[in-house]
Structure formats: C-alpha cells, structure tokens
Protein backbone atom coordinates (compact mmCIF):
# COMPACT_ATOMS: atom_id res chain seq x y z
CA UNK A 1 6.37 35.03 -50.04
CA UNK A 2 2.66 34.87 -49.27
CA UNK A 3 2.89 31.10 -48.83
CA UNK A 4 5.77 31.52 -46.37
CA UNK A 5 3.80 34.07 -44.34
CA UNK A 6 0.76 31.77 -44.38
CA UNK A 7 2.80 28.79 -43.17
CA UNK A 8 4.41 30.94 -40.47
CA UNK A 9 0.98 32.09 -39.33
CA UNK A 10 -0.21 28.47 -39.13
CA UNK A 11 2.83 27.44 -37.06
CA UNK A 12 2.30 30.39 -34.69
CA UNK A 13 -1.37 29.46 -34.20
CA UNK A 14 -0.37 25.81 -33.63
CA UNK A 15 2.17 26.87 -31.00
CA UNK A 16 -0.42 29.07 -29.30
CA UNK A 17 -2.87 26.18 -29.17
CA UNK A 18 -0.23 23.92 -27.61
CA UNK A 19 0.66 26.58 -25.03
CA UNK A 20 -3.01 27.09 -24.18
CA UNK A 21 -3.51 23.33 -23.85
CA UNK A 22 -0.57 22.82 -21.51
CA UNK A 23 -1.24 26.05 -19.60
CA UNK A 24 -4.75 24.82 -18.85
CA UNK A 25 -3.39 21.48 -17.64
CA UNK A 26 -0.84 23.17 -15.39
CA UNK A 27 -3.47 25.50 -13.94
CA UNK A 28 -5.90 22.65 -13.27
CA UNK A 29 -3.13 20.53 -11.71
CA UNK A 30 -2.08 23.47 -9.52
CA UNK A 31 -5.65 24.06 -8.35
CA UNK A 32 -6.07 20.36 -7.59
CA UNK A 33 -2.81 20.27 -5.59
CA UNK A 34 -3.89 23.29 -3.52
CA UNK A 35 -7.29 21.75 -2.78
CA UNK A 36 -5.67 18.39 -1.99
CA UNK A 37 -3.05 19.95 0.31
CA UNK A 38 -5.77 21.96 2.06
CA UNK A 39 -7.85 18.82 2.59
CA UNK A 40 -4.85 16.94 4.01
CA UNK A 41 -4.08 19.82 6.40
CA UNK A 42 -7.70 20.16 7.54
CA UNK A 43 -8.09 16.43 8.17
CA UNK A 44 -4.85 16.17 10.19
CA UNK A 45 -4.95 19.44 12.15
CA UNK A 46 -6.63 17.99 15.26
CA UNK A 47 -5.77 14.30 15.23
CA UNK A 48 -6.24 12.47 18.51
CA UNK A 49 -3.53 9.99 19.38
CA UNK A 50 -3.68 7.23 21.96
CA UNK A 51 -1.59 8.28 24.96
CA UNK A 52 0.21 5.45 26.70
CA UNK A 53 0.56 5.66 30.47
CA UNK A 54 4.20 4.56 30.32
CA UNK A 55 6.92 7.22 29.99
CA UNK A 56 8.86 5.48 27.25
CA UNK A 57 10.61 6.95 24.21
CA UNK A 58 12.38 5.35 21.27
CA UNK A 59 15.57 6.90 19.91
CA UNK A 60 18.39 5.93 17.58
CA UNK A 61 21.84 4.99 18.79
CA UNK A 62 25.13 3.42 17.76
CA UNK A 63 27.37 0.89 19.47
CA UNK A 64 30.70 2.60 20.17
CA UNK A 65 32.38 -0.32 21.96
CA UNK A 66 31.76 -3.96 22.91
CA UNK A 67 33.14 -4.18 26.44
CA UNK A 68 32.58 -7.92 26.75
CA UNK A 69 30.97 -10.62 24.63
CA UNK A 70 29.93 -13.81 26.43
CA UNK A 71 27.80 -15.21 23.59
CA UNK A 72 28.18 -18.65 22.02
CA UNK A 73 26.77 -20.21 18.87
CA UNK A 74 23.89 -22.59 19.54
CA UNK A 75 24.16 -25.30 16.87
CA UNK A 76 21.36 -27.45 18.25
CA UNK A 77 18.00 -25.74 18.66
CA UNK A 78 18.49 -22.20 17.35
CA UNK A 79 19.86 -22.78 13.83
CA UNK A 80 23.28 -21.30 14.60
CA UNK A 81 22.08 -18.18 16.44
CA UNK A 82 24.33 -16.59 19.04
CA UNK A 83 22.98 -16.74 22.61
CA UNK A 84 24.34 -15.15 25.78
CA UNK A 85 25.15 -11.66 27.05
CA UNK A 86 27.02 -8.58 25.87
CA UNK A 87 28.24 -5.53 27.77
CA UNK A 88 28.06 -2.52 25.47
CA UNK A 89 28.87 1.16 25.36
CA UNK A 90 26.37 3.01 23.18
CA UNK A 91 25.88 6.61 22.09
CA UNK A 92 22.38 8.10 21.86
CA UNK A 93 22.14 9.85 18.48
CA UNK A 94 18.65 11.39 18.64
CA UNK A 95 16.05 12.68 21.08
CA UNK A 96 16.38 14.47 24.39
CA UNK A 97 19.49 12.54 25.44
CA UNK A 98 21.33 12.95 22.15
CA UNK A 99 25.12 12.73 22.55
CA UNK A 100 25.03 10.87 25.87
CA UNK A 101 27.08 7.71 26.35
CA UNK A 102 25.45 4.75 28.10
CA UNK A 103 26.74 1.39 29.27
CA UNK A 104 24.07 -1.30 28.90
CA UNK A 105 23.66 -5.06 29.08
CA UNK A 106 22.37 -6.84 25.98
CA UNK A 107 20.80 -10.20 26.88
CA UNK A 108 20.50 -12.33 23.74
CA UNK A 109 17.97 -15.17 23.56
CA UNK A 110 16.34 -17.13 20.74
CA UNK A 111 13.37 -14.76 20.47
CA UNK A 112 15.24 -11.60 21.47
CA UNK A 113 18.22 -12.12 19.18
CA UNK A 114 19.88 -8.75 18.64
CA UNK A 115 23.58 -9.48 18.34
CA UNK A 116 25.60 -6.29 17.78
CA UNK A 117 29.15 -5.27 17.01
CA UNK A 118 31.05 -2.00 17.18
CA UNK A 119 29.41 0.48 14.79
CA UNK A 120 26.03 -1.30 14.66
CA UNK A 121 23.14 1.16 14.42
CA UNK A 122 20.44 0.31 16.95
CA UNK A 123 17.09 1.49 18.28
CA UNK A 124 17.08 2.30 22.01
CA UNK A 125 14.21 2.25 24.50
CA UNK A 126 14.47 4.93 27.19
CA UNK A 127 12.14 4.30 30.17
CA UNK A 128 11.83 7.34 32.42
CA UNK A 129 10.81 6.97 36.09
CA UNK A 130 8.71 9.43 38.10
CA UNK A 131 11.78 10.73 39.95
CA UNK A 132 13.42 11.68 36.64
CA UNK A 133 15.85 8.76 36.41
CA UNK A 134 15.81 6.61 33.30
CA UNK A 135 16.97 3.25 31.99
CA UNK A 136 18.32 2.57 28.51
CA UNK A 137 17.97 -0.76 26.73
CA UNK A 138 18.25 -2.09 23.20
CA UNK A 139 14.88 -2.34 21.46
CA UNK A 140 16.01 -3.49 18.03
CA UNK A 141 18.15 -2.79 14.99
CA UNK A 142 17.95 0.62 13.32
CA UNK A 143 16.98 -0.38 9.78
CA UNK A 144 16.00 3.09 8.56
CA UNK A 145 19.06 3.65 6.33
CA UNK A 146 18.76 0.18 4.75
CA UNK A 147 15.05 0.68 4.05
CA UNK A 148 15.65 4.14 2.56
CA UNK A 149 18.38 2.69 0.35
CA UNK A 150 16.03 -0.11 -0.77
CA UNK A 151 13.32 2.45 -1.62
CA UNK A 152 15.79 4.56 -3.59
CA UNK A 153 16.98 1.47 -5.47
CA UNK A 154 13.36 0.65 -6.33
CA UNK A 155 12.77 4.19 -7.60
CA UNK A 156 15.98 4.23 -9.67
CA UNK A 157 15.18 0.81 -11.16
CA UNK A 158 11.64 1.86 -12.03
CA UNK A 159 12.84 5.05 -13.73
CA UNK A 160 15.67 3.32 -15.62
CA UNK A 161 13.41 0.57 -16.95
CA UNK A 162 10.19 2.54 -17.31
CA UNK A 163 11.57 5.94 -18.31
CA UNK A 164 8.95 8.67 -18.20
CA UNK A 165 6.23 6.08 -17.48
CA UNK A 166 8.27 4.86 -14.50
CA UNK A 167 8.55 8.39 -13.16
CA UNK A 168 4.80 8.86 -13.57
CA UNK A 169 4.23 5.57 -11.75
CA UNK A 170 6.24 6.88 -8.81
CA UNK A 171 4.12 10.05 -8.71
CA UNK A 172 0.96 7.94 -8.75
CA UNK A 173 2.29 5.70 -6.00
CA UNK A 174 3.26 8.72 -3.89
CA UNK A 175 -0.22 10.18 -4.32
CA UNK A 176 -1.82 6.87 -3.29
CA UNK A 177 0.37 6.60 -0.18
CA UNK A 178 -0.44 10.18 0.84
CA UNK A 179 -4.16 9.46 0.45
CA UNK A 180 -3.86 6.32 2.57
CA UNK A 181 -1.70 7.74 5.35
CA UNK A 182 -2.98 11.32 5.60
CA UNK A 183 -6.63 11.02 4.58
CA UNK A 184 -7.92 7.46 4.99
CA UNK A 185 -6.21 6.55 8.28
CA UNK A 186 -6.91 9.87 10.10
CA UNK A 187 -10.57 9.97 9.01
CA UNK A 188 -11.19 6.35 10.03
CA UNK A 189 -9.47 7.01 13.37
CA UNK A 190 -11.92 9.89 13.93
CA UNK A 191 -14.89 7.57 13.66
CA UNK A 192 -15.92 8.01 10.02
CA UNK A 193 -17.19 4.92 8.17
CA UNK A 194 -14.15 2.95 7.01
CA UNK A 195 -16.03 1.53 4.02
CA UNK A 196 -17.35 4.91 2.82
CA UNK A 197 -14.00 6.67 3.14
CA UNK A 198 -12.25 3.72 1.50
CA UNK A 199 -14.58 3.81 -1.51
CA UNK A 200 -14.02 7.56 -1.93
CA UNK A 201 -10.23 7.12 -1.70
CA UNK A 202 -10.32 4.28 -4.24
CA UNK A 203 -12.27 6.43 -6.72
CA UNK A 204 -9.93 9.40 -6.26
CA UNK A 205 -6.69 7.41 -6.47
CA UNK A 206 -7.90 5.46 -9.51
CA UNK A 207 -8.78 8.63 -11.40
CA UNK A 208 -5.62 10.53 -10.45
CA UNK A 209 -3.20 7.62 -10.99
CA UNK A 210 -4.56 6.79 -14.44
CA UNK A 211 -4.54 10.46 -15.46
CA UNK A 212 -0.93 10.83 -14.27
CA UNK A 213 0.05 7.69 -16.16
CA UNK A 214 -1.69 8.26 -19.52
CA UNK A 215 -3.82 11.41 -19.40
CA UNK A 216 -7.53 11.43 -20.19
CA UNK A 217 -8.45 9.14 -23.07
CA UNK A 218 -10.57 6.11 -23.89
CA UNK A 219 -8.01 3.74 -22.36
CA UNK A 220 -7.78 5.48 -18.98
CA UNK A 221 -11.49 6.26 -18.69
CA UNK A 222 -12.31 2.59 -19.36
CA UNK A 223 -9.71 1.53 -16.80
CA UNK A 224 -11.13 3.96 -14.22
CA UNK A 225 -14.68 2.66 -14.64
CA UNK A 226 -13.67 -1.01 -14.58
CA UNK A 227 -11.39 -0.49 -11.56
CA UNK A 228 -14.08 1.18 -9.46
CA UNK A 229 -16.65 -1.40 -10.61
CA UNK A 230 -14.33 -4.36 -9.96
CA UNK A 231 -13.34 -3.18 -6.49
CA UNK A 232 -16.98 -2.34 -5.75
CA UNK A 233 -18.06 -5.86 -6.72
CA UNK A 234 -15.32 -7.33 -4.51
CA UNK A 235 -16.51 -5.15 -1.63
CA UNK A 236 -20.15 -6.10 -2.16
CA UNK A 237 -19.27 -9.80 -2.25
CA UNK A 238 -17.19 -9.38 0.89
CA UNK A 239 -20.01 -7.54 2.68
CA UNK A 240 -22.54 -10.27 1.86
CA UNK A 241 -20.23 -13.12 2.91
CA UNK A 242 -19.28 -11.28 6.11
CA UNK A 243 -22.94 -11.09 7.10
CA UNK A 244 -23.57 -14.75 6.25
CA UNK A 245 -20.37 -16.02 7.91
CA UNK A 246 -20.62 -13.72 10.97
CA UNK A 247 -17.31 -12.00 10.26
CA UNK A 248 -16.37 -8.38 10.91
CA UNK A 249 -13.49 -6.22 12.02
CA UNK A 250 -13.95 -7.62 15.54
CA UNK A 251 -12.64 -10.98 14.29
CA UNK A 252 -9.31 -9.53 13.15
CA UNK A 253 -6.08 -10.11 15.09
CA UNK A 254 -5.72 -6.43 15.96
CA UNK A 255 -9.30 -6.13 17.29
CA UNK A 256 -8.32 -6.07 20.97
CA UNK A 257 -5.89 -3.16 20.55
CA UNK A 258 -8.35 -1.31 18.30
CA UNK A 259 -11.10 -1.66 20.92
CA UNK A 260 -8.76 -0.13 23.50
CA UNK A 261 -7.94 2.79 21.21
CA UNK A 262 -11.56 3.29 20.07
CA UNK A 263 -12.56 4.34 23.61
CA UNK A 264 -11.18 7.80 22.79
CA UNK A 265 -11.20 7.81 18.98
CA UNK A 266 -14.53 6.01 18.38
CA UNK A 267 -13.16 3.93 15.50
CA UNK A 268 -15.80 2.03 13.54
CA UNK A 269 -14.15 -1.38 13.92
CA UNK A 270 -16.89 -3.45 12.30
CA UNK A 271 -16.24 -2.08 8.78
CA UNK A 272 -12.46 -2.39 8.88
CA UNK A 273 -12.45 -5.89 7.40
CA UNK A 274 -14.35 -4.87 4.26
CA UNK A 275 -12.26 -1.71 3.92
CA UNK A 276 -9.04 -3.72 4.15
CA UNK A 277 -10.19 -6.14 1.46
CA UNK A 278 -11.14 -3.24 -0.83
CA UNK A 279 -7.66 -1.76 -0.47
CA UNK A 280 -5.94 -5.14 -0.89
CA UNK A 281 -7.71 -5.80 -4.18
CA UNK A 282 -7.23 -2.27 -5.60
CA UNK A 283 -3.75 -2.75 -7.07
CA UNK A 284 -4.50 -6.03 -8.81
CA UNK A 285 -7.80 -4.76 -10.23
CA UNK A 286 -6.11 -1.58 -11.53
CA UNK A 287 -3.46 -3.73 -13.18
CA UNK A 288 -5.89 -5.98 -15.03
CA UNK A 289 -8.16 -3.05 -15.95
CA UNK A 290 -5.44 -0.99 -17.63
CA UNK A 291 -4.01 -4.11 -19.32
CA UNK A 292 -7.32 -5.03 -20.97
CA UNK A 293 -8.16 -1.43 -21.91
CA UNK A 294 -4.69 -0.89 -23.39
CA UNK A 295 -4.95 -4.11 -25.39
CA UNK A 296 -8.32 -3.17 -26.89
CA UNK A 297 -7.05 0.29 -27.86
CA UNK A 298 -3.87 -1.17 -29.35
CA UNK A 299 -5.84 -3.74 -31.36
CA UNK A 300 -8.10 -0.97 -32.67
CA UNK A 301 -5.12 1.16 -33.72
CA UNK A 302 -3.73 -1.82 -35.64
CA UNK A 303 -7.03 -2.67 -37.34
CA UNK A 304 -9.57 0.16 -37.29
CA UNK A 305 -12.11 -1.87 -39.26
CA UNK A 306 -13.00 -4.03 -36.23
CA UNK A 307 -16.42 -3.34 -34.74
CA UNK A 308 -17.34 -3.13 -31.04
CA UNK A 309 -18.19 -6.83 -30.73
CA UNK A 310 -14.90 -7.93 -32.26
CA UNK A 311 -12.95 -5.54 -30.02
CA UNK A 312 -14.83 -6.85 -26.99
CA UNK A 313 -13.92 -10.44 -27.89
CA UNK A 314 -10.28 -9.47 -28.35
CA UNK A 315 -10.27 -7.74 -24.96
CA UNK A 316 -11.84 -10.81 -23.33
CA UNK A 317 -9.20 -13.07 -24.89
CA UNK A 318 -6.44 -10.90 -23.47
CA UNK A 319 -8.23 -10.66 -20.11
CA UNK A 320 -8.71 -14.42 -19.82
CA UNK A 321 -4.96 -14.93 -20.17
CA UNK A 322 -4.21 -12.32 -17.53
CA UNK A 323 -6.97 -12.98 -14.98
CA UNK A 324 -5.66 -16.44 -14.06
CA UNK A 325 -2.18 -15.23 -13.21
CA UNK A 326 -3.49 -12.11 -11.44
CA UNK A 327 -5.94 -14.10 -9.31
CA UNK A 328 -3.16 -16.56 -8.52
CA UNK A 329 -0.87 -13.67 -7.55
CA UNK A 330 -3.49 -12.20 -5.22
CA UNK A 331 -4.20 -15.55 -3.57
CA UNK A 332 -0.48 -16.25 -3.10
CA UNK A 333 -0.02 -12.83 -1.47
CA UNK A 334 -2.61 -13.71 1.15
CA UNK A 335 -1.16 -17.22 1.60
CA UNK A 336 2.31 -15.74 1.99
CA UNK A 337 1.14 -13.23 4.59
CA UNK A 338 -0.33 -16.05 6.73
CA UNK A 339 2.27 -18.73 5.93
CA UNK A 340 3.69 -18.87 9.47
CA UNK A 341 0.21 -19.25 10.92
CA UNK A 342 -0.57 -22.06 8.44
CA UNK A 343 2.66 -23.81 9.40
CA UNK A 344 1.78 -23.52 13.08
CA UNK A 345 -1.73 -24.88 12.52
CA UNK A 346 -0.38 -27.78 10.45
CA UNK A 347 2.17 -28.63 13.14
CA UNK A 348 -0.59 -28.86 15.75
CA UNK A 349 -2.56 -31.19 13.48
CA UNK A 350 -5.73 -29.12 13.54
CA UNK A 351 -8.55 -30.80 11.54
CA UNK A 352 -9.58 -29.11 8.27
CA UNK A 353 -13.11 -28.48 9.59
CA UNK A 354 -11.76 -26.56 12.54
CA UNK A 355 -9.11 -24.90 10.40
CA UNK A 356 -11.49 -23.25 7.93
CA UNK A 357 -13.70 -22.08 10.78
CA UNK A 358 -10.98 -20.17 12.63
CA UNK A 359 -11.40 -16.41 12.33
CA UNK A 360 -8.05 -15.72 10.73
CA UNK A 361 -8.22 -18.47 8.10
CA UNK A 362 -11.81 -17.54 7.23
CA UNK A 363 -10.73 -13.91 6.78
CA UNK A 364 -7.76 -14.90 4.59
CA UNK A 365 -9.99 -17.08 2.40
CA UNK A 366 -12.55 -14.28 2.09
CA UNK A 367 -9.84 -11.75 1.15
CA UNK A 368 -8.40 -14.00 -1.54
CA UNK A 369 -11.79 -14.91 -3.08
CA UNK A 370 -13.21 -11.38 -2.93
CA UNK A 371 -10.14 -9.89 -4.61
CA UNK A 372 -10.11 -12.61 -7.26
CA UNK A 373 -13.79 -12.01 -8.07
CA UNK A 374 -13.02 -8.31 -8.46
CA UNK A 375 -10.21 -9.16 -10.91
CA UNK A 376 -12.33 -11.61 -12.91
CA UNK A 377 -15.35 -9.32 -13.31
CA UNK A 378 -13.26 -6.25 -14.10
CA UNK A 379 -12.11 -7.97 -17.32
CA UNK A 380 -15.50 -7.93 -19.15
CA UNK A 381 -16.23 -4.46 -17.78
CA UNK A 382 -12.92 -3.09 -19.11
CA UNK A 383 -13.36 -4.87 -22.47
CA UNK A 384 -16.92 -3.59 -22.83
CA UNK A 385 -16.15 0.03 -21.84
CA UNK A 386 -13.13 0.37 -24.10
CA UNK A 387 -14.83 -1.26 -27.12
CA UNK A 388 -18.00 0.76 -26.55
CA UNK A 389 -16.16 4.09 -26.29
CA UNK A 390 -14.05 3.31 -29.37
CA UNK A 391 -17.15 2.46 -31.43
CA UNK A 392 -18.85 5.69 -30.34
CA UNK A 393 -15.74 7.75 -31.15
CA UNK A 394 -15.67 6.55 -34.79
C-alpha cells in the first residue's frame, strides 16, 4: 500500500513538472508573440508609399462573353501564339465599379499575348480622367486562385510528408515571411540601413525557426551560431568585393525606380546589394548548418565514446558531401534567375571580357560566390560548435 502511494506521489510530481515546463513555454511564446505583433504594428503604422500621378486602379474581372474573335494562329515567328483582336464583354468583380459590365477591345500581339475565352478570370486596368470618365482595359490574367491553390498544395504536401516537422516548417516559413514583408521592407523603405536591419532579421529568424523546428538543444544552438556566422562571412566577403569592384545597390536593375522613390522615402540604396545577398544565402546556409549539427548529434547518440575531435571529423565528412551540392544549388539558382539575360548576351556575341564586366553579370557572380563561401565556411563552424558543446555536456 505504501509503495503504491509512493509511486502515485512520484507520478503526480512528474505530471506537475511537465505542466510547469509546458506552461512556461506557452507563457514565453505568448509574450514573444505580443512583443512581435506590437513591433510589426509600430513599424507599419505610418508607412509612406510612393504616390503615382496617374489615376489608375487595378481590379479583378471575368469575361462574360466573347462578342467577336478575329485572332489567328501565327505558326511562323510566334511559336503558335494567337495574334489579332477580340471584342469582349467583361464584368468588374472588385473595386469601386464592382458589378458593372464593360465592352472592351483586346488587342493581342506577341508581347501582349492575353488570349481569353468566356469565363476567363482577368485583371483590369481602370484609368480615370479628370472629368470623371474612365477607360477599362485588360492588364493581365488573374492568377490569384491558381497561386493560392499551388500554395495550399505545397502546405498539404509538406505536412503529409513531414508530419509534425512539416507543420513546424510552415510556421517557421510564415514567421520568416512576416519578418521580411512587415519589418525588413518597411524599415528599409524608411531610410534605415539595409545591411543592419538585414543582419538583425537574419539573427531573429534563425533563432526562432530553429527553436520552432527542434526546440533549444545542442543541435539547434550549433545551427544558430553557424548560420549567423556563415551568413555574416558571406556578407563580409560581399562588402569587400563590392568596394574593390565598385559595385553597390546603384548598379542593380531596379536602381532607377528606387532613386525615384527614395526622394520621399530616403531609401539607403547603396547597401541593398549586400542585404540582398545576405538574404539569398540565408536559406542554403541554414540548411547546411542544421544538417551538419544533426549529423554530429546523431553520431554521438550512436557512439557516445567518441571525443570532440572525432565528432568534428565526422561532421566535416558529412559537411563535405553536402557543401558541394548546396553550393551548386545556390549557383544554379542565380544562373536560372538570369538565364534569359545570358541567352540575350550570347545571341549578341558579347566578348567574355565585356560580359563579366557588365553590372548585372558581375552582381550575379558575386551573389553566387558569396553565398557559396557562406555555405562552405558554415560547415566547420557547425561541426566545431556541435562537437564542442557535446564534449562539454558529458
């Protein structure tokens, strides 16, 4: 009887400890969410937006009838695209003119190739004149439903394959996107240093995402440190090369529009290139960091007799296998993003000397190399941190 009471008392104490542990986590998470939400609100409460002088609005619509279709298939120079003219009846489905029916002409060319049928969802441009009259024209396809469906399919696939880990990955991704869209972008648009804000966001997202994914342990702490260090090294390398090669945000394709906007918003354009490279390398560095840290911890759990040096070597062996493919992935992402430009340059027969000295190609090369260096150097950092922490925890 006494033994039963003693065992019951132990189980009650164990349950209390678990409740206290999870209650503390919930409270801390709640406090963090409140602070985070407050920061997002404060940063976005007085955003300044560039005001265009044109009275134009973009609304959704749907084609209710094709009155006439005078298009033909061009089998010679347009790869089978339809060219010509359509007379359409469309219904405005959002905005101030929602519910109105409009008859419009849809001129279809090689570059402006928006061929529609009855029921096609479209995006309409409404241009309002000073006297109050307005014109309606087709701006493009309404792809919102397709994109939402694709996102939902991605989420479902991630959850089905990854289970709880997949769900945690979605939460981490959502947190990262919120940080980018509602903290990083607004603060940079207000004139704050893009590099400084980017570094802070990288540190915060790395910590939060790894905690969401695996909690606080040797594996995640090692991954956090190596991620921040790897991205920092990539940023430092980028900064040095930018100075030596005379590159900055003013050499980017969007520089002209950013200069126009910065008249009111005072955007620090010069640091945007480094900030962009830091963000581009973040995902790949996080991937390699958690992979190496997880491998070292898994090897230790299998053979606890291994010392720090042996664990470090094992982590390096795993990292060497992964760093090549990760660096290749990062480089191919940048090549893919500029593939059309490379094809255009090749078609014009531009010499290699001139090619590598164009702003855009130089920036693409710098992005690829800086990110790859961050990946490569994060491997020994992750292997060292995880093996060091494990040896100290023994």
